[in-house]
Every structure is written in C-alpha cells, then in structure tokens.
C-alpha atoms as a PDB file:
ATOM      1  CA  MET A   1      46.213-130.140  77.801  1.00  0.00           C
ATOM      2  CA  LEU A   2      43.426-131.951  75.983  1.00  0.00           C
ATOM      3  CA  ALA A   3      45.491-135.150  75.980  1.00  0.00           C
ATOM      4  CA  PHE A   4      45.800-134.996  79.768  1.00  0.00           C
ATOM      5  CA  ARG A   5      42.087-134.339  80.205  1.00  0.00           C
ATOM      6  CA  LEU A   6      41.196-137.347  78.093  1.00  0.00           C
ATOM      7  CA  GLY A   7      43.957-139.693  79.233  1.00  0.00           C
ATOM      8  CA  ARG A   8      43.486-139.035  82.943  1.00  0.00           C
ATOM      9  CA  ARG A   9      40.235-140.980  82.858  1.00  0.00           C
ATOM     10  CA  PHE A  10      42.121-144.148  81.937  1.00  0.00           C
ATOM     11  CA  VAL A  11      45.644-143.727  83.333  1.00  0.00           C
ATOM     12  CA  GLU A  12      45.945-142.849  87.036  1.00  0.00           C
ATOM     13  CA  PRO A  13      49.394-141.165  86.856  1.00  0.00           C
ATOM     14  CA  LEU A  14      48.032-138.805  84.190  1.00  0.00           C
ATOM     15  CA  ASP A  15      45.212-137.859  86.535  1.00  0.00           C
ATOM     16  CA  GLU A  16      47.737-136.943  89.212  1.00  0.00           C
ATOM     17  CA  MET A  17      49.877-135.023  86.718  1.00  0.00           C
ATOM     18  CA  TYR A  18      46.848-133.096  85.484  1.00  0.00           C
ATOM     19  CA  GLU A  19      46.050-132.010  89.035  1.00  0.00           C
ATOM     20  CA  LEU A  20      49.610-130.719  89.425  1.00  0.00           C
ATOM     21  CA  LEU A  21      49.496-128.882  86.097  1.00  0.00           C
ATOM     22  CA  VAL A  22      46.354-127.048  87.161  1.00  0.00           C
ATOM     23  CA  ARG A  23      47.758-126.288  90.604  1.00  0.00           C
ATOM     24  CA  TYR A  24      51.047-124.892  89.338  1.00  0.00           C
ATOM     25  CA  ARG A  25      49.658-122.891  86.442  1.00  0.00           C
ATOM     26  CA  ALA A  26      50.404-119.741  88.461  1.00  0.00           C
ATOM     27  CA  ASP A  27      53.567-118.969  90.427  1.00  0.00           C
ATOM     28  CA  ASN A  28      53.588-119.746  94.130  1.00  0.00           C
ATOM     29  CA  VAL A  29      54.854-116.766  96.097  1.00  0.00           C
ATOM     30  CA  PHE A  30      56.298-117.386  99.544  1.00  0.00           C
ATOM     31  CA  ALA A  31      56.264-114.379 101.858  1.00  0.00           C
ATOM     32  CA  SER A  32      58.915-115.051 104.469  1.00  0.00           C
ATOM     33  CA  SER A  33      58.451-111.987 106.680  1.00  0.00           C
ATOM     34  CA  LYS A  34      56.550-113.843 109.438  1.00  0.00           C
ATOM     35  CA  PHE A  35      59.070-116.697 109.400  1.00  0.00           C
ATOM     36  CA  ALA A  36      61.999-114.252 109.539  1.00  0.00           C
ATOM     37  CA  ALA A  37      60.388-112.417 112.449  1.00  0.00           C
ATOM     38  CA  ARG A  38      59.869-115.666 114.363  1.00  0.00           C
ATOM     39  CA  PHE A  39      63.303-117.147 113.556  1.00  0.00           C
ATOM     40  CA  PRO A  40      65.677-114.181 113.081  1.00  0.00           C
ATOM     41  CA  GLU A  41      68.788-116.356 113.502  1.00  0.00           C
ATOM     42  CA  PHE A  42      67.795-118.683 110.639  1.00  0.00           C
ATOM     43  CA  ARG A  43      70.231-118.297 107.735  1.00  0.00           C
ATOM     44  CA  VAL A  44      68.625-118.525 104.313  1.00  0.00           C
ATOM     45  CA  THR A  45      70.487-120.562 101.692  1.00  0.00           C
ATOM     46  CA  SER A  46      70.683-118.906  98.269  1.00  0.00           C
ATOM     47  CA  TYR A  47      69.668-120.873  95.194  1.00  0.00           C
ATOM     48  CA  ARG A  48      73.249-120.835  93.943  1.00  0.00           C
ATOM     49  CA  GLU A  49      74.608-122.189  97.236  1.00  0.00           C
ATOM     50  CA  GLY A  50      71.889-124.829  97.380  1.00  0.00           C
ATOM     51  CA  VAL A  51      72.593-126.076  93.864  1.00  0.00           C
ATOM     52  CA  GLU A  52      76.341-126.085  94.539  1.00  0.00           C
ATOM     53  CA  ARG A  53      75.790-128.213  97.641  1.00  0.00           C
ATOM     54  CA  ILE A  54      73.562-130.647  95.763  1.00  0.00           C
ATOM     55  CA  LEU A  55      76.146-131.029  92.995  1.00  0.00           C
ATOM     56  CA  ARG A  56      78.960-131.487  95.534  1.00  0.00           C
ATOM     57  CA  VAL A  57      77.013-134.225  97.332  1.00  0.00           C
ATOM     58  CA  ALA A  58      76.192-135.908  94.025  1.00  0.00           C
ATOM     59  CA  GLU A  59      79.870-135.930  93.046  1.00  0.00           C
ATOM     60  CA  THR A  60      81.435-136.843  96.372  1.00  0.00           C
ATOM     61  CA  GLY A  61      78.646-138.508  98.319  1.00  0.00           C
ATOM     62  CA  LEU A  62      79.331-136.142 101.244  1.00  0.00           C
END
C-alpha cells in the first residue's frame, strides 16, 4: 500500500487504482428487496448462469 501512496503522486493510473483500493477495502452489499418489490417479474441470473453465458459468447461469438 505504501508503494501506491508514494507512486500515485507521479503516475496518474496509480492514483486512480489507489482510490479504488480504498473504496473496495470492504465488501459492497446490495440489498435487492426494493428492486424485487418494484420489478417482481424480473428474473435474476445466477452467477453460474452468467459465467456460463459469458464463456459461451467468448467461444462462439453468439
């Protein structure tokens, strides 16, 4: 972390990366209850299904 704090003063991408490191130090928790109440017909994609789709598109282009 010290390297980022020092290097960010001279290298702009390091400054941006440092800001992200600080921001994501803790987990972001998304509470979806309000969204689900507003859009009850919205089907949530599981992580597994999402990754499978990404891999399928990467392999086939479809």
